Amino acid sequence: MKKIAVTIAAFSFMSSSFACNLPSYLEGQGLSTIDKMGKELKKSGFKITPMVRELVNKVIEIDDSCKNNFLSAQTYLLKNGKIIHLAYTSEDICDGGNSYGVVLDANLRPLASIQDTDFYCPVEE
């Protein structure tokens, strides 16, 4: 019986460490649907800085030339009251017509990766 309890506890720990932490309000969303989720804050002050580039690279690996030259930045106030920042590729020369990047919360913590314009679980660091 003790062996079963230890096995269940170990499995619970392992499965939680591999769990997707994508917030429910981002499930099934992407760059094409973000406008319906809230309002863009065009004067938010969120910009692509070296720190943002580093966060993007921690979540999804992007070619250095793309990461350094072709990232777009947007901020949205969502209908649920949350603020999110988007940093993603936006040039066909860089991403072949797709967009890759990261969704960050108001404190610049990664919430999701952007892959082929859709939001997915962030890559574990």
N, C-alpha and C. Protein backbone atom coordinates (compact mmCIF):
# COMPACT_ATOMS: atom_id res chain seq x y z
N MET A 1 0.81 -1.19 0.00
CA MET A 1 0.00 0.00 0.00
C MET A 1 0.87 1.26 0.00
N LYS A 2 1.96 1.22 0.79
CA LYS A 2 2.86 2.36 0.86
C LYS A 2 3.50 2.62 -0.50
N LYS A 3 3.83 1.54 -1.21
CA LYS A 3 4.45 1.64 -2.52
C LYS A 3 3.51 2.33 -3.51
N ILE A 4 2.22 2.02 -3.45
CA ILE A 4 1.23 2.64 -4.34
C ILE A 4 1.12 4.13 -4.05
N ALA A 5 1.09 4.50 -2.77
CA ALA A 5 0.98 5.90 -2.39
C ALA A 5 2.19 6.70 -2.88
N VAL A 6 3.38 6.12 -2.76
CA VAL A 6 4.59 6.80 -3.22
C VAL A 6 4.56 6.95 -4.73
N THR A 7 4.11 5.94 -5.44
CA THR A 7 4.01 5.99 -6.90
C THR A 7 3.02 7.06 -7.34
N ILE A 8 1.87 7.12 -6.69
CA ILE A 8 0.87 8.14 -7.03
C ILE A 8 1.40 9.53 -6.75
N ALA A 9 2.07 9.70 -5.62
CA ALA A 9 2.64 11.00 -5.27
C ALA A 9 3.70 11.43 -6.29
N ALA A 10 4.55 10.50 -6.69
CA ALA A 10 5.59 10.81 -7.68
C ALA A 10 4.97 11.16 -9.01
N PHE A 11 3.94 10.42 -9.42
CA PHE A 11 3.27 10.70 -10.69
C PHE A 11 2.59 12.06 -10.65
N SER A 12 1.97 12.40 -9.53
CA SER A 12 1.31 13.70 -9.40
C SER A 12 2.32 14.83 -9.52
N PHE A 13 3.48 14.68 -8.90
CA PHE A 13 4.52 15.70 -8.99
C PHE A 13 5.00 15.84 -10.42
N MET A 14 5.26 14.71 -11.08
CA MET A 14 5.75 14.76 -12.45
C MET A 14 4.73 15.36 -13.39
N SER A 15 3.47 14.98 -13.26
CA SER A 15 2.47 15.48 -14.19
C SER A 15 2.23 16.97 -13.98
N SER A 16 2.36 17.47 -12.75
CA SER A 16 2.17 18.90 -12.54
C SER A 16 3.33 19.70 -13.12
N SER A 17 4.52 19.12 -13.14
CA SER A 17 5.66 19.85 -13.69
C SER A 17 5.61 19.91 -15.22
N PHE A 18 4.84 19.03 -15.84
CA PHE A 18 4.71 19.04 -17.29
C PHE A 18 3.35 19.61 -17.72
N ALA A 19 2.57 20.10 -16.78
CA ALA A 19 1.24 20.60 -17.09
C ALA A 19 1.34 21.91 -17.87
N CYS A 20 0.35 22.12 -18.69
CA CYS A 20 0.26 23.36 -19.44
C CYS A 20 -0.32 24.43 -18.53
N ASN A 21 0.33 25.57 -18.48
CA ASN A 21 -0.14 26.66 -17.65
C ASN A 21 -0.76 27.78 -18.47
N LEU A 22 -1.25 27.46 -19.65
CA LEU A 22 -1.89 28.45 -20.50
C LEU A 22 -3.17 28.93 -19.83
N PRO A 23 -3.29 30.23 -19.56
CA PRO A 23 -4.52 30.72 -18.94
C PRO A 23 -5.74 30.40 -19.81
N SER A 24 -6.83 30.05 -19.17
CA SER A 24 -8.03 29.63 -19.91
C SER A 24 -8.51 30.70 -20.89
N TYR A 25 -8.32 31.97 -20.54
CA TYR A 25 -8.80 33.03 -21.44
C TYR A 25 -7.96 33.14 -22.71
N LEU A 26 -6.81 32.45 -22.78
CA LEU A 26 -6.00 32.45 -24.00
C LEU A 26 -6.18 31.17 -24.82
N GLU A 27 -6.89 30.19 -24.27
CA GLU A 27 -7.08 28.92 -24.99
C GLU A 27 -7.84 29.16 -26.29
N GLY A 28 -7.33 28.58 -27.35
CA GLY A 28 -7.99 28.68 -28.65
C GLY A 28 -7.89 30.06 -29.28
N GLN A 29 -7.03 30.91 -28.76
CA GLN A 29 -6.90 32.27 -29.28
C GLN A 29 -5.60 32.41 -30.07
N GLY A 30 -5.49 33.53 -30.76
CA GLY A 30 -4.29 33.82 -31.51
C GLY A 30 -4.29 35.26 -31.96
N LEU A 31 -3.32 35.61 -32.78
CA LEU A 31 -3.21 36.99 -33.24
C LEU A 31 -4.44 37.43 -34.04
N SER A 32 -5.07 36.49 -34.72
CA SER A 32 -6.24 36.85 -35.53
C SER A 32 -7.50 37.10 -34.70
N THR A 33 -7.52 36.65 -33.45
CA THR A 33 -8.72 36.82 -32.61
C THR A 33 -8.52 37.78 -31.45
N ILE A 34 -7.31 38.29 -31.28
CA ILE A 34 -7.01 39.11 -30.10
C ILE A 34 -7.84 40.39 -30.07
N ASP A 35 -8.15 40.96 -31.21
CA ASP A 35 -8.95 42.19 -31.23
C ASP A 35 -10.35 41.99 -30.65
N LYS A 36 -10.87 40.78 -30.76
CA LYS A 36 -12.19 40.48 -30.22
C LYS A 36 -12.15 40.29 -28.70
N MET A 37 -10.95 40.05 -28.15
CA MET A 37 -10.80 39.79 -26.72
C MET A 37 -10.65 41.06 -25.90
N GLY A 38 -10.34 42.17 -26.57
CA GLY A 38 -10.14 43.40 -25.83
C GLY A 38 -9.74 44.53 -26.74
N LYS A 39 -9.14 45.54 -26.14
CA LYS A 39 -8.77 46.75 -26.87
C LYS A 39 -7.26 46.95 -26.84
N GLU A 40 -6.69 47.25 -28.00
CA GLU A 40 -5.26 47.52 -28.04
C GLU A 40 -4.97 48.87 -27.37
N LEU A 41 -3.94 48.88 -26.55
CA LEU A 41 -3.49 50.10 -25.89
C LEU A 41 -2.27 50.61 -26.66
N LYS A 42 -2.52 51.44 -27.65
CA LYS A 42 -1.45 51.86 -28.57
C LYS A 42 -0.40 52.73 -27.90
N LYS A 43 -0.73 53.39 -26.79
CA LYS A 43 0.22 54.26 -26.10
C LYS A 43 0.67 53.65 -24.77
N SER A 44 0.77 52.34 -24.72
CA SER A 44 1.11 51.66 -23.46
C SER A 44 2.56 51.85 -23.05
N GLY A 45 3.42 52.11 -24.02
CA GLY A 45 4.85 52.23 -23.72
C GLY A 45 5.60 50.92 -23.82
N PHE A 46 4.90 49.80 -24.07
CA PHE A 46 5.57 48.51 -24.22
C PHE A 46 6.36 48.51 -25.52
N LYS A 47 7.66 48.24 -25.40
CA LYS A 47 8.56 48.25 -26.56
C LYS A 47 9.43 47.02 -26.55
N ILE A 48 10.00 46.73 -27.69
CA ILE A 48 10.95 45.63 -27.79
C ILE A 48 12.29 46.13 -27.25
N THR A 49 12.67 45.61 -26.11
CA THR A 49 13.94 45.96 -25.46
C THR A 49 14.80 44.70 -25.40
N PRO A 50 16.07 44.82 -25.02
CA PRO A 50 16.89 43.61 -24.87
C PRO A 50 16.25 42.60 -23.90
N MET A 51 15.61 43.09 -22.83
CA MET A 51 14.97 42.18 -21.89
C MET A 51 13.79 41.44 -22.52
N VAL A 52 13.01 42.13 -23.33
CA VAL A 52 11.89 41.48 -24.02
C VAL A 52 12.41 40.46 -25.02
N ARG A 53 13.47 40.81 -25.74
CA ARG A 53 14.08 39.85 -26.69
C ARG A 53 14.52 38.59 -25.96
N GLU A 54 15.10 38.77 -24.78
CA GLU A 54 15.55 37.62 -23.98
C GLU A 54 14.36 36.76 -23.55
N LEU A 55 13.27 37.41 -23.14
CA LEU A 55 12.07 36.65 -22.76
C LEU A 55 11.50 35.87 -23.94
N VAL A 56 11.49 36.50 -25.10
CA VAL A 56 11.01 35.82 -26.31
C VAL A 56 11.85 34.57 -26.55
N ASN A 57 13.16 34.71 -26.46
CA ASN A 57 14.05 33.59 -26.74
C ASN A 57 13.94 32.48 -25.70
N LYS A 58 13.56 32.82 -24.46
CA LYS A 58 13.36 31.78 -23.44
C LYS A 58 12.13 30.95 -23.74
N VAL A 59 11.13 31.56 -24.36
CA VAL A 59 9.87 30.88 -24.61
C VAL A 59 9.87 30.16 -25.95
N ILE A 60 10.41 30.80 -26.95
CA ILE A 60 10.45 30.19 -28.29
C ILE A 60 11.71 30.69 -28.99
N GLU A 61 12.46 29.77 -29.56
CA GLU A 61 13.71 30.16 -30.19
C GLU A 61 13.42 30.78 -31.56
N ILE A 62 13.93 31.98 -31.74
CA ILE A 62 13.76 32.72 -32.99
C ILE A 62 15.15 33.10 -33.48
N ASP A 63 15.35 33.05 -34.77
CA ASP A 63 16.61 33.43 -35.39
C ASP A 63 17.03 34.82 -34.88
N ASP A 64 18.32 35.00 -34.60
CA ASP A 64 18.82 36.26 -34.04
C ASP A 64 18.48 37.46 -34.92
N SER A 65 18.61 37.32 -36.24
CA SER A 65 18.32 38.47 -37.10
C SER A 65 16.85 38.86 -37.00
N CYS A 66 15.98 37.88 -36.86
CA CYS A 66 14.55 38.17 -36.70
C CYS A 66 14.29 38.79 -35.34
N LYS A 67 14.86 38.20 -34.32
CA LYS A 67 14.64 38.66 -32.95
C LYS A 67 15.15 40.09 -32.77
N ASN A 68 16.24 40.42 -33.44
CA ASN A 68 16.84 41.74 -33.26
C ASN A 68 16.26 42.81 -34.17
N ASN A 69 15.63 42.42 -35.27
CA ASN A 69 15.17 43.41 -36.24
C ASN A 69 13.69 43.40 -36.57
N PHE A 70 13.03 42.29 -36.36
CA PHE A 70 11.68 42.17 -36.89
C PHE A 70 10.62 41.77 -35.86
N LEU A 71 10.74 42.24 -34.62
CA LEU A 71 9.72 41.95 -33.62
C LEU A 71 8.77 43.13 -33.49
N SER A 72 7.48 42.82 -33.42
CA SER A 72 6.46 43.83 -33.18
C SER A 72 6.02 43.74 -31.73
N ALA A 73 5.55 44.87 -31.18
CA ALA A 73 5.09 44.92 -29.80
C ALA A 73 3.68 45.50 -29.76
N GLN A 74 2.81 44.84 -29.00
CA GLN A 74 1.44 45.32 -28.80
C GLN A 74 1.03 45.06 -27.36
N THR A 75 0.13 45.88 -26.85
CA THR A 75 -0.44 45.69 -25.52
C THR A 75 -1.95 45.74 -25.65
N TYR A 76 -2.63 44.85 -24.93
CA TYR A 76 -4.09 44.79 -24.95
C TYR A 76 -4.64 44.81 -23.53
N LEU A 77 -5.74 45.52 -23.37
CA LEU A 77 -6.55 45.44 -22.16
C LEU A 77 -7.69 44.51 -22.52
N LEU A 78 -7.70 43.32 -21.92
CA LEU A 78 -8.71 42.32 -22.24
C LEU A 78 -10.03 42.61 -21.52
N LYS A 79 -11.08 42.04 -22.04
CA LYS A 79 -12.41 42.23 -21.46
C LYS A 79 -12.49 41.74 -20.01
N ASN A 80 -11.60 40.81 -19.62
CA ASN A 80 -11.59 40.31 -18.24
C ASN A 80 -10.78 41.20 -17.31
N GLY A 81 -10.27 42.33 -17.83
CA GLY A 81 -9.52 43.28 -17.02
C GLY A 81 -8.02 43.04 -17.00
N LYS A 82 -7.56 41.97 -17.61
CA LYS A 82 -6.12 41.66 -17.61
C LYS A 82 -5.43 42.41 -18.75
N ILE A 83 -4.18 42.76 -18.50
CA ILE A 83 -3.34 43.38 -19.53
C ILE A 83 -2.35 42.35 -20.01
N ILE A 84 -2.21 42.23 -21.32
CA ILE A 84 -1.21 41.33 -21.90
C ILE A 84 -0.37 42.11 -22.91
N HIS A 85 0.86 41.69 -23.03
CA HIS A 85 1.79 42.25 -24.02
C HIS A 85 2.12 41.15 -25.02
N LEU A 86 2.23 41.52 -26.27
CA LEU A 86 2.61 40.58 -27.33
C LEU A 86 3.92 41.06 -27.95
N ALA A 87 4.84 40.15 -28.14
CA ALA A 87 6.09 40.42 -28.86
C ALA A 87 6.25 39.29 -29.86
N TYR A 88 6.19 39.63 -31.16
CA TYR A 88 6.17 38.57 -32.18
C TYR A 88 6.77 39.05 -33.49
N THR A 89 7.21 38.08 -34.29
CA THR A 89 7.75 38.38 -35.62
C THR A 89 6.62 38.85 -36.51
N SER A 90 6.95 39.76 -37.42
CA SER A 90 5.89 40.32 -38.25
C SER A 90 6.32 40.55 -39.69
N GLU A 91 7.42 39.99 -40.09
CA GLU A 91 7.93 40.18 -41.44
C GLU A 91 8.06 38.85 -42.16
N ASP A 92 7.51 38.75 -43.37
CA ASP A 92 7.59 37.52 -44.14
C ASP A 92 9.03 37.07 -44.36
N ILE A 93 9.95 38.01 -44.52
CA ILE A 93 11.35 37.68 -44.73
C ILE A 93 11.90 36.88 -43.55
N CYS A 94 11.29 37.06 -42.41
CA CYS A 94 11.78 36.44 -41.18
C CYS A 94 11.03 35.16 -40.85
N ASP A 95 9.72 35.17 -41.00
CA ASP A 95 8.91 34.06 -40.49
C ASP A 95 8.10 33.34 -41.56
N GLY A 96 8.33 33.67 -42.82
CA GLY A 96 7.63 32.99 -43.90
C GLY A 96 6.13 33.22 -43.92
N GLY A 97 5.69 34.34 -43.37
CA GLY A 97 4.27 34.65 -43.36
C GLY A 97 3.55 34.21 -42.10
N ASN A 98 4.27 33.58 -41.21
CA ASN A 98 3.71 33.18 -39.92
C ASN A 98 4.29 34.10 -38.86
N SER A 99 3.73 34.08 -37.67
CA SER A 99 4.28 34.89 -36.59
C SER A 99 4.64 34.00 -35.42
N TYR A 100 5.78 34.31 -34.81
CA TYR A 100 6.28 33.56 -33.66
C TYR A 100 6.70 34.55 -32.59
N GLY A 101 6.44 34.21 -31.34
CA GLY A 101 6.82 35.11 -30.27
C GLY A 101 6.28 34.68 -28.93
N VAL A 102 5.87 35.67 -28.11
CA VAL A 102 5.46 35.39 -26.74
C VAL A 102 4.32 36.32 -26.34
N VAL A 103 3.45 35.80 -25.45
CA VAL A 103 2.43 36.59 -24.78
C VAL A 103 2.90 36.75 -23.33
N LEU A 104 2.98 37.99 -22.87
CA LEU A 104 3.45 38.29 -21.52
C LEU A 104 2.32 38.92 -20.70
N ASP A 105 2.34 38.69 -19.40
CA ASP A 105 1.36 39.36 -18.55
C ASP A 105 1.87 40.78 -18.24
N ALA A 106 1.13 41.53 -17.43
CA ALA A 106 1.48 42.91 -17.13
C ALA A 106 2.82 43.02 -16.43
N ASN A 107 3.26 41.94 -15.76
CA ASN A 107 4.56 41.92 -15.07
C ASN A 107 5.66 41.28 -15.90
N LEU A 108 5.39 41.12 -17.19
CA LEU A 108 6.33 40.55 -18.16
C LEU A 108 6.67 39.09 -17.88
N ARG A 109 5.72 38.35 -17.31
CA ARG A 109 5.89 36.91 -17.14
C ARG A 109 5.26 36.22 -18.35
N PRO A 110 5.96 35.26 -18.96
CA PRO A 110 5.41 34.56 -20.12
C PRO A 110 4.13 33.79 -19.78
N LEU A 111 3.10 34.01 -20.59
CA LEU A 111 1.84 33.29 -20.46
C LEU A 111 1.67 32.25 -21.55
N ALA A 112 2.19 32.56 -22.74
CA ALA A 112 2.00 31.67 -23.88
C ALA A 112 3.07 31.95 -24.92
N SER A 113 3.30 30.95 -25.75
CA SER A 113 4.13 31.18 -26.93
C SER A 113 3.20 31.48 -28.09
N ILE A 114 3.70 32.18 -29.07
CA ILE A 114 2.96 32.42 -30.31
C ILE A 114 3.67 31.61 -31.37
N GLN A 115 2.94 30.67 -31.96
CA GLN A 115 3.50 29.81 -32.99
C GLN A 115 2.51 29.76 -34.14
N ASP A 116 2.97 30.18 -35.31
CA ASP A 116 2.11 30.19 -36.49
C ASP A 116 0.85 31.01 -36.21
N THR A 117 1.01 32.09 -35.47
CA THR A 117 0.00 33.08 -35.06
C THR A 117 -0.93 32.63 -33.94
N ASP A 118 -0.89 31.37 -33.52
CA ASP A 118 -1.77 30.88 -32.46
C ASP A 118 -1.04 30.87 -31.12
N PHE A 119 -1.81 30.93 -30.02
CA PHE A 119 -1.24 30.91 -28.68
C PHE A 119 -1.17 29.49 -28.17
N TYR A 120 -0.02 29.11 -27.64
CA TYR A 120 0.22 27.77 -27.10
C TYR A 120 0.88 27.88 -25.73
N CYS A 121 0.95 26.75 -25.03
CA CYS A 121 1.64 26.73 -23.75
C CYS A 121 3.06 27.22 -23.93
N PRO A 122 3.55 28.01 -22.96
CA PRO A 122 4.95 28.44 -23.08
C PRO A 122 5.88 27.25 -22.89
N VAL A 123 7.02 27.31 -23.53
CA VAL A 123 8.03 26.28 -23.38
C VAL A 123 8.60 26.40 -21.98
N GLU A 124 8.78 25.26 -21.30
CA GLU A 124 9.35 25.29 -19.95
C GLU A 124 10.78 25.80 -20.02
N GLU A 125 11.14 26.64 -19.06
CA GLU A 125 12.49 27.19 -19.02
C GLU A 125 13.47 26.18 -18.49
